[in-house]
Protein backbone atom coordinates (compact mmCIF):
# COMPACT_ATOMS: atom_id res chain seq x y z
CA MET A 1 0.00 0.00 0.00
CA PRO A 2 1.26 3.51 -0.67
CA ALA A 3 2.93 5.20 2.24
CA SER A 4 1.35 8.28 3.74
CA PRO A 5 2.71 11.29 1.88
CA THR A 6 5.42 13.12 3.75
CA THR A 7 5.55 16.79 2.85
CA VAL A 8 8.87 18.56 3.01
CA ARG A 9 8.69 22.33 3.30
CA ARG A 10 11.19 24.53 1.62
CA ARG A 11 14.32 25.02 3.68
CA PRO A 12 17.32 27.27 3.14
CA LEU A 13 19.89 25.20 1.32
CA ARG A 14 23.15 24.82 3.18
CA VAL A 15 26.28 25.06 1.07
CA LEU A 16 28.97 22.81 2.48
CA ALA A 17 32.25 24.65 2.70
CA GLY A 18 34.74 23.70 0.06
CA LEU A 19 32.53 21.30 -1.89
CA ALA A 20 34.67 19.77 -4.60
CA ALA A 21 33.48 19.42 -8.14
CA ALA A 22 33.70 15.66 -7.89
CA LEU A 23 31.24 15.63 -4.99
CA ALA A 24 28.24 17.16 -6.67
CA VAL A 25 27.22 15.34 -9.82
CA SER A 26 24.21 16.73 -11.59
CA VAL A 27 21.70 15.32 -14.00
CA ALA A 28 19.53 16.82 -16.67
CA LEU A 29 16.23 18.52 -16.06
CA PRO A 30 13.48 17.51 -18.49
CA PRO A 31 13.15 20.10 -21.26
CA ALA A 32 9.90 21.62 -20.01
CA ALA A 33 11.36 22.05 -16.55
CA ALA A 34 14.37 23.88 -17.85
CA GLN A 35 12.37 26.88 -18.98
CA ALA A 36 13.11 30.07 -17.09
CA ASP A 37 12.78 29.67 -13.32
CA ARG A 38 9.12 28.72 -13.14
CA PRO A 39 8.27 25.90 -10.71
CA ASP A 40 7.92 22.44 -12.23
CA THR A 41 6.77 19.18 -10.66
CA VAL A 42 8.75 15.99 -11.22
CA VAL A 43 7.69 12.52 -10.06
CA GLY A 44 10.04 9.57 -9.87
CA GLU A 45 12.50 7.59 -7.81
CA LEU A 46 14.85 9.42 -5.42
CA VAL A 47 18.34 8.18 -6.19
CA GLN A 48 21.67 8.94 -4.51
CA ALA A 49 25.24 8.11 -5.46
CA TRP A 50 28.74 9.03 -4.32
CA PRO A 51 31.23 10.48 -6.79
CA GLU A 52 34.88 9.65 -6.17
CA ALA A 53 37.72 12.10 -6.71
CA GLY A 54 41.30 11.12 -7.39
CA LEU A 55 43.51 12.97 -4.96
CA ALA A 56 46.80 11.99 -6.51
CA GLU A 57 45.66 13.25 -9.91
CA HIS A 58 43.51 16.16 -8.83
CA PRO A 59 44.44 17.37 -5.36
CA ALA A 60 42.28 20.46 -5.79
CA ALA A 61 39.20 18.29 -6.29
CA ALA A 62 39.83 16.69 -2.92
CA GLU A 63 39.81 19.97 -1.08
CA ALA A 64 36.41 19.11 0.37
CA ALA A 65 34.23 16.21 1.37
CA GLY A 66 30.67 16.89 0.32
CA ALA A 67 27.37 15.08 0.28
CA PRO A 68 26.24 12.27 -1.97
CA LEU A 69 24.61 13.35 -5.21
CA SER A 70 20.83 13.26 -5.38
CA TRP A 71 18.41 13.27 -8.26
CA VAL A 72 14.83 12.33 -9.12
CA GLU A 73 14.68 9.79 -11.94
CA THR A 74 11.42 9.58 -13.88
CA ALA A 75 9.93 6.48 -15.48
CA ASP A 76 11.11 7.56 -18.94
CA GLY A 77 14.73 7.83 -17.80
CA GLU A 78 14.99 11.60 -17.36
CA ALA A 79 16.69 12.83 -14.21
CA VAL A 80 16.61 16.09 -12.28
CA ARG A 81 19.48 16.79 -9.91
CA VAL A 82 18.50 18.32 -6.57
CA PRO A 83 20.64 19.41 -3.61
CA THR A 84 21.05 16.55 -1.15
CA ASP A 85 20.50 18.94 1.75
CA ALA A 86 17.02 19.70 0.42
CA VAL A 87 15.82 16.07 0.41
CA THR A 88 17.30 14.66 3.61
CA ASP A 89 13.79 13.90 4.92
CA LEU A 90 12.93 11.72 1.93
CA PRO A 91 13.85 8.00 1.93
CA VAL A 92 16.17 7.08 -0.91
CA GLY A 93 14.56 4.64 -3.30
CA SER A 94 11.03 5.92 -2.64
CA THR A 95 8.73 7.42 -5.26
CA VAL A 96 8.58 11.16 -4.66
CA GLU A 97 6.91 14.24 -6.08
CA VAL A 98 9.24 17.24 -6.07
CA THR A 99 8.50 20.81 -7.10
CA VAL A 100 11.68 22.39 -8.41
CA GLY A 101 12.59 25.96 -9.19
CA GLY A 102 15.60 27.64 -10.74
CA GLN A 103 19.12 26.36 -11.12
CA LEU A 104 21.60 26.54 -8.24
CA PRO A 105 25.19 27.13 -9.37
CA ASP A 106 27.80 24.91 -7.69
CA THR A 107 31.29 23.59 -8.30
CA ALA A 108 29.92 20.46 -9.97
CA GLY A 109 28.41 22.58 -12.71
CA GLU A 110 31.73 24.37 -13.12
CA ASP A 111 33.38 20.97 -13.54
CA GLY A 112 31.08 19.91 -16.36
CA TYR A 113 27.99 18.57 -14.62
CA GLU A 114 24.53 19.94 -15.29
CA ALA A 115 23.06 22.23 -12.67
CA ALA A 116 21.01 21.22 -9.65
CA HIS A 117 17.57 22.74 -9.17
CA ASP A 118 16.11 24.35 -6.09
CA VAL A 119 13.56 22.25 -4.18
CA LEU A 120 10.43 24.23 -3.35
CA ALA A 121 8.33 21.34 -1.98
CA ALA A 122 8.49 17.57 -1.89
CA GLU A 123 6.50 14.59 -0.66
CA VAL A 124 6.75 10.81 -0.59
CA LEU A 125 4.18 9.10 -2.76
CA ARG A 126 5.29 5.51 -2.22
CA ALA A 127 7.85 3.89 0.02
CA ALA A 128 10.79 2.00 -1.47
CA PRO A 129 10.10 -1.73 -1.83
CA ASP A 130 12.04 -4.11 0.39
CA PRO A 131 14.74 -5.78 -1.71
CA ALA A 132 14.29 -9.54 -1.77
CA PRO A 133 17.40 -11.59 -2.57
CA VAL A 134 17.38 -13.42 -5.90
CA ARG A 135 19.78 -16.31 -6.26
CA THR A 136 21.23 -18.00 -9.28
CA PRO A 137 23.18 -21.21 -8.72
CA ALA A 138 26.04 -20.33 -6.34
CA LEU A 139 25.50 -16.55 -6.70
CA THR A 140 23.60 -14.05 -4.57
CA ASN A 141 24.71 -11.00 -6.57
CA GLN A 142 24.98 -10.94 -10.36
CA VAL A 143 27.33 -8.45 -12.00
CA THR A 144 27.14 -7.10 -15.54
CA VAL A 145 30.43 -5.55 -16.67
CA ALA A 146 30.60 -3.08 -19.55
CA MET A 147 33.54 -1.13 -20.98
CA VAL A 148 32.46 2.39 -21.97
CA VAL A 149 33.88 5.34 -23.85
CA PRO A 150 31.62 8.26 -22.84
CA ALA A 151 30.98 11.26 -25.05
CA GLY A 152 34.24 13.19 -25.51
CA GLY A 153 36.44 10.29 -24.39
CA GLN A 154 38.68 7.79 -26.11
CA ARG A 155 39.48 4.15 -25.43
CA ASP A 156 42.33 3.45 -23.01
CA GLY A 157 44.49 0.33 -22.68
CA THR A 158 42.39 -1.49 -20.07
CA THR A 159 40.81 -4.73 -21.29
CA LEU A 160 37.46 -6.33 -20.55
CA ALA A 161 39.30 -9.41 -19.33
CA GLN A 162 41.14 -7.36 -16.70
CA VAL A 163 37.94 -5.89 -15.26
CA VAL A 164 36.14 -9.25 -15.26
CA ALA A 165 39.12 -10.91 -13.61
CA ALA A 166 39.17 -8.27 -10.87
CA VAL A 167 35.46 -8.72 -10.13
CA ASP A 168 35.43 -12.52 -10.32
CA GLY A 169 38.74 -12.79 -8.46
CA PRO A 170 39.83 -10.55 -5.56
CA VAL A 171 36.58 -8.55 -5.32
CA ALA A 172 34.33 -11.61 -5.17
CA GLN A 173 36.70 -13.40 -2.82
CA PHE A 174 36.83 -10.44 -0.45
CA TRP A 175 33.06 -10.11 -0.04
CA ALA A 176 32.56 -13.87 0.23
CA ASP A 177 35.23 -14.10 2.95
CA GLN A 178 34.03 -11.11 4.94
CA THR A 179 30.36 -12.14 4.90
CA ASP A 180 30.95 -15.88 5.51
CA GLY A 181 29.38 -16.60 2.14
CA ALA A 182 26.32 -14.36 2.58
CA VAL A 183 27.50 -12.40 -0.47
CA GLU A 184 28.60 -14.52 -3.41
CA LEU A 185 29.01 -12.27 -6.43
CA GLY A 186 30.22 -12.94 -9.93
CA VAL A 187 30.12 -11.68 -13.50
CA THR A 188 27.16 -13.12 -15.39
CA ASP A 189 27.31 -10.83 -18.43
CA GLN A 190 30.12 -8.84 -20.03
CA HIS A 191 30.38 -6.36 -22.88
CA ASP A 192 33.46 -4.94 -24.57
CA TRP A 193 33.93 -1.28 -25.50
CA ILE A 194 30.76 0.72 -26.14
CA GLU A 195 30.77 4.35 -27.25
CA THR A 196 27.90 6.25 -25.64
CA ALA A 197 26.16 9.45 -26.62
CA ALA A 198 25.85 10.29 -22.94
CA GLY A 199 28.75 11.72 -20.99
CA CYS A 200 29.70 11.69 -17.32
CA SER A 201 27.88 14.96 -16.68
CA ASP A 202 24.63 12.98 -16.69
CA PRO A 203 25.40 9.69 -14.89
CA THR A 204 21.78 8.52 -15.03
CA ALA A 205 21.71 8.91 -18.82
CA LEU A 206 25.08 7.16 -19.03
CA TRP A 207 23.97 4.20 -16.91
CA ASP A 208 20.61 4.00 -18.68
CA GLU A 209 22.19 4.02 -22.13
CA VAL A 210 24.64 1.30 -21.12
CA ALA A 211 21.80 -0.75 -19.60
CA ALA A 212 19.73 -0.45 -22.77
CA ARG A 213 22.61 -1.47 -25.01
CA THR A 214 23.70 -4.41 -22.85
CA GLY A 215 20.29 -5.68 -21.82
CA PHE A 216 20.95 -5.05 -18.13
CA VAL A 217 17.72 -5.11 -16.12
CA PRO A 218 17.87 -3.54 -12.64
CA GLY A 219 16.65 -5.72 -9.83
CA PRO A 220 17.48 -7.34 -6.49
CA GLY A 221 21.06 -8.53 -6.37
CA ARG A 222 21.87 -7.18 -9.83
CA HIS A 223 24.79 -4.80 -10.28
CA LEU A 224 25.92 -2.83 -13.31
CA VAL A 225 29.67 -2.22 -13.13
CA VAL A 226 30.75 0.20 -15.85
CA TYR A 227 34.42 0.76 -16.58
CA VAL A 228 34.68 4.32 -17.93
CA SER A 229 37.78 4.99 -20.00
CA SER A 230 40.44 7.00 -18.22
CA LEU A 231 41.27 8.99 -21.36
CA PRO A 232 41.29 11.89 -21.17
CA ARG A 233 41.77 11.95 -17.44
CA ASP A 234 40.13 15.35 -17.06
CA LEU A 235 37.00 14.51 -19.06
CA PRO A 236 34.33 16.94 -17.73
CA GLY A 237 32.06 15.43 -15.12
CA CYS A 238 33.94 12.14 -14.82
CA SER A 239 34.78 11.18 -11.25
CA TYR A 240 37.37 8.55 -10.39
CA ALA A 241 34.43 6.34 -9.45
CA LEU A 242 30.73 6.73 -8.73
CA GLY A 243 28.66 4.34 -6.63
CA GLN A 244 24.92 4.24 -6.05
CA VAL A 245 23.88 4.02 -2.41
CA GLY A 246 21.94 0.87 -1.56
CA ALA A 247 19.89 -0.34 1.39
CA ALA A 248 21.31 -3.84 1.76
CA PRO A 249 23.44 -6.46 -0.03
CA ALA A 250 20.29 -7.68 -1.79
CA ALA A 251 19.36 -4.29 -3.28
CA GLY A 252 21.57 -4.24 -6.37
CA GLY A 253 22.76 -0.98 -7.89
CA ARG A 254 25.00 0.77 -10.42
CA VAL A 255 28.60 1.93 -10.27
CA TYR A 256 31.27 3.18 -12.58
CA VAL A 257 35.03 3.09 -12.07
CA ARG A 258 37.99 4.43 -14.02
CA ASP A 259 40.53 1.97 -12.59
CA VAL A 260 40.75 -1.79 -12.16
CA LEU A 261 42.13 -1.55 -8.62
CA PRO A 262 40.18 -4.28 -6.74
CA SER A 263 39.80 -2.14 -3.62
CA VAL A 264 38.02 0.57 -5.64
CA ILE A 265 35.56 -1.87 -7.22
CA ALA A 266 34.97 -3.59 -3.87
CA HIS A 267 34.45 -0.18 -2.25
CA GLU A 268 31.84 0.92 -4.79
CA LEU A 269 29.95 -2.35 -4.41
CA GLY A 270 30.09 -1.74 -0.65
CA HIS A 271 28.08 1.42 -1.29
CA ASN A 272 25.56 -0.65 -3.27
CA PHE A 273 25.34 -2.92 -0.20
CA GLY A 274 24.49 0.07 2.02
CA LEU A 275 27.80 0.99 3.62
CA GLY A 276 29.20 4.49 4.03
CA HIS A 277 32.83 5.37 4.49
CA SER A 278 35.31 4.16 7.06
CA SER A 279 36.81 7.45 8.19
CA GLY A 280 39.03 8.76 10.98
CA ALA A 281 38.33 10.90 14.03
CA GLN A 282 41.39 12.78 15.30
CA CYS A 283 41.71 14.99 18.36
CA ASP A 284 44.70 16.83 19.80
CA GLY A 285 43.90 16.15 23.47
CA ALA A 286 42.83 12.64 24.40
CA VAL A 287 41.11 10.18 22.06
CA GLU A 288 37.91 12.25 21.93
CA THR A 289 38.78 15.58 23.55
CA GLY A 290 40.43 18.80 22.45
CA ALA A 291 40.24 20.21 18.93
CA CYS A 292 38.90 17.41 16.72
CA ARG A 293 38.18 16.65 13.10
CA THR A 294 36.55 13.91 11.05
CA ALA A 295 38.86 12.85 8.24
CA PRO A 296 36.98 10.99 5.47
CA TYR A 297 38.55 7.73 4.25
CA ARG A 298 41.28 7.84 6.85
CA ASP A 299 40.79 4.19 7.89
CA TYR A 300 43.48 2.70 5.67
CA TYR A 301 42.87 -0.76 7.15
CA ASP A 302 39.38 -0.96 5.67
CA VAL A 303 37.98 -1.34 2.15
CA MET A 304 35.44 1.41 2.83
CA GLY A 305 38.24 3.80 3.74
CA ALA A 306 41.13 4.86 1.52
CA SER A 307 41.44 2.56 -1.48
CA TRP A 308 44.96 1.30 -2.15
CA SER A 309 46.68 -1.97 -3.02
CA ARG A 310 45.94 -3.73 0.30
CA VAL A 311 42.42 -4.88 1.17
CA GLY A 312 42.32 -5.77 4.86
CA SER A 313 39.51 -7.25 6.92
CA LEU A 314 36.18 -5.42 7.02
CA ASN A 315 36.12 -3.54 10.32
CA ALA A 316 33.75 -4.52 13.13
CA PRO A 317 31.20 -1.65 12.86
CA GLN A 318 30.83 -2.07 9.09
CA ALA A 319 30.41 -5.84 9.44
CA ALA A 320 27.78 -5.24 12.14
CA LEU A 321 25.90 -2.82 9.87
CA LEU A 322 25.78 -5.49 7.16
CA GLY A 323 24.56 -8.01 9.71
CA VAL A 324 27.47 -10.37 9.06
CA LEU A 325 29.28 -10.11 12.40
CA PRO A 326 27.87 -13.12 14.27
CA ALA A 327 26.64 -12.65 17.82
CA SER A 328 29.14 -15.34 18.84
CA ALA A 329 31.97 -13.10 17.59
CA GLN A 330 30.90 -10.12 19.75
CA PHE A 331 31.20 -9.39 23.45
CA ALA A 332 29.01 -6.59 24.79
CA VAL A 333 30.38 -4.45 27.65
CA PRO A 334 28.34 -1.56 29.10
CA VAL A 335 30.40 1.48 30.09
CA ALA A 336 28.55 1.46 33.43
CA GLY A 337 29.34 -1.61 35.49
CA PRO A 338 32.30 -3.58 36.84
CA ALA A 339 35.67 -3.75 35.09
CA THR A 340 35.61 -6.43 32.42
CA THR A 341 38.56 -8.24 30.86
CA VAL A 342 38.18 -9.85 27.43
CA THR A 343 40.56 -11.69 25.12
CA LEU A 344 40.17 -10.62 21.50
CA ALA A 345 40.93 -13.05 18.69
CA PRO A 346 42.42 -11.58 15.49
CA LEU A 347 39.76 -9.86 13.39
CA SER A 348 41.05 -11.65 10.29
CA GLY A 349 40.14 -15.04 11.79
CA ARG A 350 36.69 -16.59 11.72
CA THR A 351 36.55 -17.94 15.28
CA GLY A 352 36.53 -16.57 18.83
CA THR A 353 35.58 -13.13 20.12
CA ARG A 354 36.61 -10.74 17.35
CA ALA A 355 34.94 -7.55 18.60
CA VAL A 356 34.09 -5.92 21.92
CA ARG A 357 31.04 -3.66 21.75
CA LEU A 358 30.62 -0.79 24.24
CA SER A 359 27.47 1.29 24.49
CA ASP A 360 27.37 4.62 26.33
CA ALA A 361 24.44 6.29 28.06
CA ALA A 362 23.61 8.40 25.01
CA GLY A 363 23.35 5.41 22.69
CA GLY A 364 26.81 5.75 21.14
CA THR A 365 28.48 2.49 20.13
CA TYR A 366 32.21 1.77 20.30
CA TRP A 367 34.04 -1.25 18.95
CA LEU A 368 37.38 -2.81 19.89
CA GLU A 369 39.08 -5.12 17.39
CA TYR A 370 42.49 -6.75 17.22
CA ARG A 371 44.41 -6.33 13.97
CA ALA A 372 47.10 -9.00 13.92
CA ALA A 373 49.55 -9.48 11.06
CA ALA A 374 47.78 -12.68 10.00
CA GLY A 375 45.26 -13.88 7.44
CA ARG A 376 43.87 -11.07 5.30
CA ASP A 377 45.80 -8.59 7.47
CA ALA A 378 49.15 -10.38 7.10
CA TRP A 379 50.46 -7.41 5.08
CA LEU A 380 50.71 -5.44 8.34
CA GLY A 381 53.94 -7.35 9.04
CA THR A 382 55.50 -6.98 5.59
CA SER A 383 57.03 -4.36 3.33
CA ASP A 384 53.58 -4.00 1.72
CA ASN A 385 52.62 -1.97 4.79
CA ARG A 386 53.83 1.19 3.07
CA PHE A 387 51.86 3.50 5.38
CA ARG A 388 53.32 1.82 8.47
CA LEU A 389 49.93 1.05 9.94
CA ASP A 390 50.05 -0.50 13.40
CA PRO A 391 49.04 -4.04 14.20
CA GLY A 392 47.27 -3.99 17.55
CA VAL A 393 43.95 -3.10 19.15
CA LEU A 394 41.89 -0.46 17.35
CA VAL A 395 38.85 1.43 18.63
CA HIS A 396 36.03 2.53 16.30
CA ARG A 397 32.85 4.48 16.85
CA THR A 398 29.70 3.74 14.85
CA GLY A 399 28.63 6.78 12.85
CA ALA A 400 25.94 7.85 10.40
CA MET A 401 26.19 8.43 6.67
CA PRO A 402 28.52 9.29 5.13
CA ASP A 403 30.92 7.96 7.79
CA THR A 404 29.33 4.78 9.12
CA ALA A 405 32.56 3.81 10.91
CA LEU A 406 35.07 6.16 12.57
CA LEU A 407 38.56 5.00 13.53
CA LEU A 408 39.70 6.81 16.70
CA ASP A 409 43.37 7.67 17.15
CA GLY A 410 44.64 5.74 20.16
CA THR A 411 47.81 7.85 20.35
CA PRO A 412 46.66 11.44 19.69
CA SER A 413 49.05 14.02 18.30
CA ALA A 414 48.98 17.79 17.91
CA ALA A 415 46.90 19.09 15.01
CA ALA A 416 50.04 20.12 13.15
CA GLY A 417 51.06 16.45 12.94
CA TRP A 418 47.70 14.94 11.99
CA ASP A 419 48.48 14.48 8.31
CA ALA A 420 51.53 12.32 9.00
CA ASP A 421 49.97 10.40 11.88
CA LEU A 422 48.43 7.16 10.63
CA GLN A 423 49.30 5.21 13.78
CA ALA A 424 46.03 4.54 15.60
CA ALA A 425 46.49 1.38 17.70
CA LEU A 426 45.98 1.66 21.46
CA PRO A 427 49.26 1.56 23.45
CA VAL A 428 49.87 -1.48 25.67
CA GLY A 429 49.48 -0.91 29.39
CA VAL A 430 48.05 2.63 29.15
CA PRO A 431 44.41 3.35 30.16
CA VAL A 432 42.75 5.21 27.29
CA PRO A 433 39.48 7.13 27.95
CA VAL A 434 36.54 6.52 25.60
CA ALA A 435 32.88 7.54 25.51
CA GLY A 436 33.71 11.04 26.73
CA GLY A 437 35.69 9.67 29.66
CA ALA A 438 32.90 7.39 30.92
CA ALA A 439 35.25 4.40 30.69
CA THR A 440 38.88 3.53 30.02
CA VAL A 441 40.23 0.78 27.79
CA THR A 442 43.55 -0.80 28.69
CA VAL A 443 45.37 -3.22 26.40
CA ASP A 444 46.94 -5.61 28.91
CA ALA A 445 48.87 -7.84 26.52
CA VAL A 446 49.22 -8.62 22.82
CA SER A 447 50.41 -11.83 21.17
CA ALA A 448 49.99 -13.51 17.82
CA ALA A 449 47.09 -15.52 19.26
CA GLY A 450 45.12 -12.59 20.67
CA ALA A 451 44.98 -9.39 22.72
CA THR A 452 43.73 -9.02 26.30
CA VAL A 453 41.84 -5.80 27.03
CA THR A 454 40.18 -4.44 30.18
CA VAL A 455 37.27 -2.00 30.11
CA THR A 456 36.93 0.00 33.35
CA PRO A 457 34.02 2.39 34.08
CA VAL A 458 35.00 5.83 35.41
CA ALA A 459 32.72 7.34 38.05
CA GLY A 460 31.57 10.81 37.03
CA GLY A 461 32.98 10.45 33.53
CA ALA A 462 32.35 13.21 31.04
CA ALA A 463 29.20 13.30 28.95
CA PRO A 464 29.24 11.35 25.69
CA VAL A 465 30.93 13.20 22.87
CA THR A 466 29.22 14.64 19.84
CA PRO A 467 31.01 13.66 16.61
CA PRO A 468 32.57 16.68 14.88
CA GLU A 469 31.34 17.87 11.52
CA PRO A 470 33.33 16.29 8.68
CA ALA A 471 36.30 18.28 7.52
CA ALA A 472 37.11 18.78 3.86
CA PRO A 473 39.69 16.41 2.23
CA ALA A 474 43.20 17.55 1.50
CA PRO A 475 46.62 15.93 1.05
CA GLN A 476 47.22 13.64 -1.83
CA VAL A 477 48.62 10.89 0.38
CA LEU A 478 48.99 10.77 4.14
CA PRO A 479 52.29 9.09 4.94
CA GLY A 480 52.63 7.10 8.13
CA ALA A 481 55.47 7.03 10.61
CA ALA A 482 56.74 3.97 12.40
CA ALA A 483 56.61 3.97 16.18
CA GLY A 484 59.49 5.92 17.62
CA THR A 485 60.43 7.57 14.35
CA PRO A 486 59.65 11.07 13.18
CA PRO A 487 56.99 11.50 10.49
CA ARG A 488 58.38 11.21 7.02
CA SER A 489 57.44 13.37 4.08
CA ALA A 490 54.74 12.46 1.60
CA PRO A 491 55.62 9.55 -0.72
CA THR A 492 57.31 10.40 -3.97
CA ALA A 493 55.88 9.35 -7.31
CA GLU A 494 58.17 6.31 -7.21
CA GLU A 495 56.63 5.20 -3.90
CA LEU A 496 53.09 5.30 -5.25
CA PRO A 497 51.68 2.17 -6.93
CA ALA A 498 53.04 1.69 -10.39
CA VAL A 499 50.83 1.11 -13.41
CA GLY A 500 50.83 -2.58 -14.13
CA SER A 501 51.52 -3.63 -10.55
CA GLU A 502 49.47 -1.60 -8.09
CA PRO A 503 47.34 0.41 -10.51
CA ALA A 504 47.92 4.12 -10.31
CA VAL A 505 45.00 6.49 -10.44
CA THR A 506 43.97 6.70 -14.05
CA GLY A 507 40.99 8.97 -13.72
CA PRO A 508 40.35 12.46 -12.48
CA GLY A 509 40.59 11.36 -8.90
CA ALA A 510 41.84 8.64 -6.69
CA ALA A 511 38.95 8.11 -4.42
CA ALA A 512 36.31 5.48 -4.06
CA VAL A 513 32.71 5.32 -2.75
CA GLY A 514 30.58 7.34 -4.92
CA SER A 515 33.31 9.88 -4.79
CA GLU A 516 35.61 9.78 -1.89
CA ALA A 517 38.61 11.28 -0.30
CA ALA A 518 40.37 11.29 3.00
CA ALA A 519 40.57 14.12 5.44
CA ALA A 520 43.43 16.39 6.27
CA PRO A 521 44.08 18.41 9.38
CA ALA A 522 41.73 21.01 10.65
CA ALA A 523 42.98 24.06 12.44
CA ALA A 524 42.48 23.81 16.18
CA THR A 525 39.64 25.98 17.32
CA GLY A 526 39.34 25.07 20.95
CA SER A 527 38.39 22.21 23.20
CA GLY A 528 35.78 19.88 21.83
CA THR A 529 35.37 21.75 18.58
CA ALA A 530 36.02 20.72 15.03
CA ALA A 531 37.88 22.99 12.69
CA PRO A 532 36.94 21.92 9.20
CA THR A 533 39.59 22.84 6.75
CA SER A 534 40.81 19.89 4.75
CA THR A 535 40.22 16.18 4.75
CA ALA A 536 42.48 13.23 4.89
CA PRO A 537 44.08 11.64 1.92
CA ALA A 538 42.96 9.11 -0.51
CA VAL A 539 45.62 6.85 -1.89
CA THR A 540 45.41 5.60 -5.46
CA GLY A 541 41.71 5.15 -5.55
CA GLN A 542 39.84 6.63 -2.64
CA GLU A 543 36.88 8.93 -2.29
CA PRO A 544 35.57 12.15 -0.89
CA ASP A 545 32.06 12.81 0.13
CA GLY A 546 30.20 13.72 3.22
CA VAL A 547 26.96 14.73 4.82
CA PRO A 548 26.33 15.96 8.35
CA VAL A 549 27.27 13.30 10.88
CA THR A 550 24.59 12.19 13.31
CA THR A 551 24.29 9.18 15.54
CA ALA A 552 22.98 6.17 13.64
CA ALA A 553 21.03 3.35 15.20
CA GLN A 554 22.93 0.10 15.15
CA ALA A 555 21.61 -2.40 12.65
CA PRO A 556 20.78 -5.83 14.02
CA THR A 557 23.29 -8.58 13.51
CA SER A 558 22.64 -12.11 12.45
CA THR A 559 24.57 -15.34 12.21
CA PRO A 560 24.54 -16.87 8.73
CA THR A 561 23.51 -20.52 8.79
CA PRO A 562 26.42 -22.72 7.66
CA GLY A 563 25.84 -23.83 4.10
CA ARG A 564 22.92 -21.43 3.66
CA PRO A 565 24.19 -17.87 3.27
CA THR A 566 21.72 -15.17 4.15
CA LEU A 567 21.38 -11.59 2.99
CA PRO A 568 20.29 -9.60 6.05
CA VAL A 569 18.56 -6.32 5.28
CA LEU A 570 19.88 -3.27 7.08
CA ALA A 571 17.44 -1.65 9.45
CA ALA A 572 16.04 1.53 7.99
CA THR A 573 17.04 3.36 11.14
CA GLY A 574 20.60 2.17 10.72
CA LEU A 575 21.28 4.16 7.59
CA GLY A 576 18.57 6.78 7.81
CA VAL A 577 17.40 8.40 4.62
CA THR A 578 20.56 7.55 2.76
CA ALA A 579 19.67 3.86 2.55
CA LEU A 580 18.74 3.18 -1.04
CA ALA A 581 16.77 0.37 -2.59
CA GLY A 582 18.02 1.81 -5.85
CA CYS A 583 16.90 -0.25 -8.80
CA ALA A 584 16.02 -3.27 -6.70
CA ALA A 585 12.42 -3.38 -7.87
CA GLY A 586 12.96 -2.06 -11.35
CA ARG A 587 11.92 1.31 -12.63
CA VAL A 588 9.10 2.89 -10.60
CA ARG A 589 6.31 4.18 -12.78
CA ALA A 590 6.36 7.97 -12.52
CA ARG A 591 4.73 11.03 -13.97
CA ARG A 592 5.71 14.64 -14.47
CA ARG A 593 3.32 17.58 -14.33
CA GLY A 594 4.16 20.94 -15.85
């Protein structure tokens, strides 16, 4: 039955400081709606996607982390871009009626995208359908791969076989491993180079044209992965990657990438599955006090953070959001109660307690996990650990879109040193305050087999912290420094992945997740405040984007039945209005009134 209409009154549109061109993709307004500035009513599906910027190639484009792109897509394939801030009360994937006004200039338009249109009024006509998983033999998620030369581009040297091999190989293996078989994806259809009339400035038209020419039909568990040629690199409107935001692994969705780096493809599919970014939260006092910033993509351990050659284990909060962190792998500890000691097994393993969950009085959720140099995280103990990331116990805080997981810095540094400080593991033997000082976490001992941690409540601890507003992305690469050594300078070109080994950024950005970047340091503005200036780095294939951070409800977890993988659906409250059913139920019939 249709949902009760939800009317959204006109609100002043907030311009996020420093929005980069890669963070605000626009789509075309139907011809009649483009006349003058008169109001026009458009009915269709509310769609969101994240554009990715390549920091190494275009550092200026990573100067900010913005919001996901939003547009209303009609039944006949036309799309009207609207400011994300103006539709935050509308569920993504629902059928909406939006009255739009004149064009709103932004940096995306300056970069080649078509303009967004002011939202005068909006209402929900029909809720998004619940995606139901559709299985083919051995697969839960079917992928169609297409090689595309968009309008104004030219074919590059990447082959269809390379893209298919990346999806069927390391990308499929990663998601199967991290979900205990709940996600089994593979390429079921593939198409070599297609030249499209549509360009990147209208991603809906691009995806729709590719779908029509390849026979791709949107639906539950169906993904369209488009490889967009990297030549020329500065093709107007083309992000390094663009991923549609989904509601759950079963929803399906569309992405495009301009690189075959497995972490970038896996990252974009993670957006289809409903995940936001794995970012960093840095403060210059204690772990959560002093001048603080949120640095998008700064969790270099995680596939939903900065995309580079290593793809480590999916972190605990992201796995919990997907519903693939079994209850048997978690140990819940309230921050009010007796001291509790727990032994953590390596996160990369599949047995034992792999995450400690702490909940504070305000509903905030913290996660402890042990990153050992073993299994999928074995690279932490090798020369492949080029950013000198620490093995050890990490602490995360669950967040809301766009940063659904925040890595806290267990060894805080002054703001001036944030860019070079990628060492986040908790020190051994030192009580570290969390949850605004309501409890301390002490790592008692660490060995190859596990880490022993003690959580101790603190009487009269400070009130729970409020996450800082996301900063805007900045440096091209954030180098790490080994323990006891001074920070080194940013990597040279020779230190970055080489083409043919670890793919270098080949598009106008090196971000991943819709469009993603990491965060750089923010100027200190006083205790407990965030000073948004720049965001942290993306390596060769990372992404910048961002929307206001609020506390998200934790999605329920489930334990997949051995031999019968499940596809748990994320709770609507877990991802708020940014959860997207996308094309899960096919094109919603829509109308447009002039």
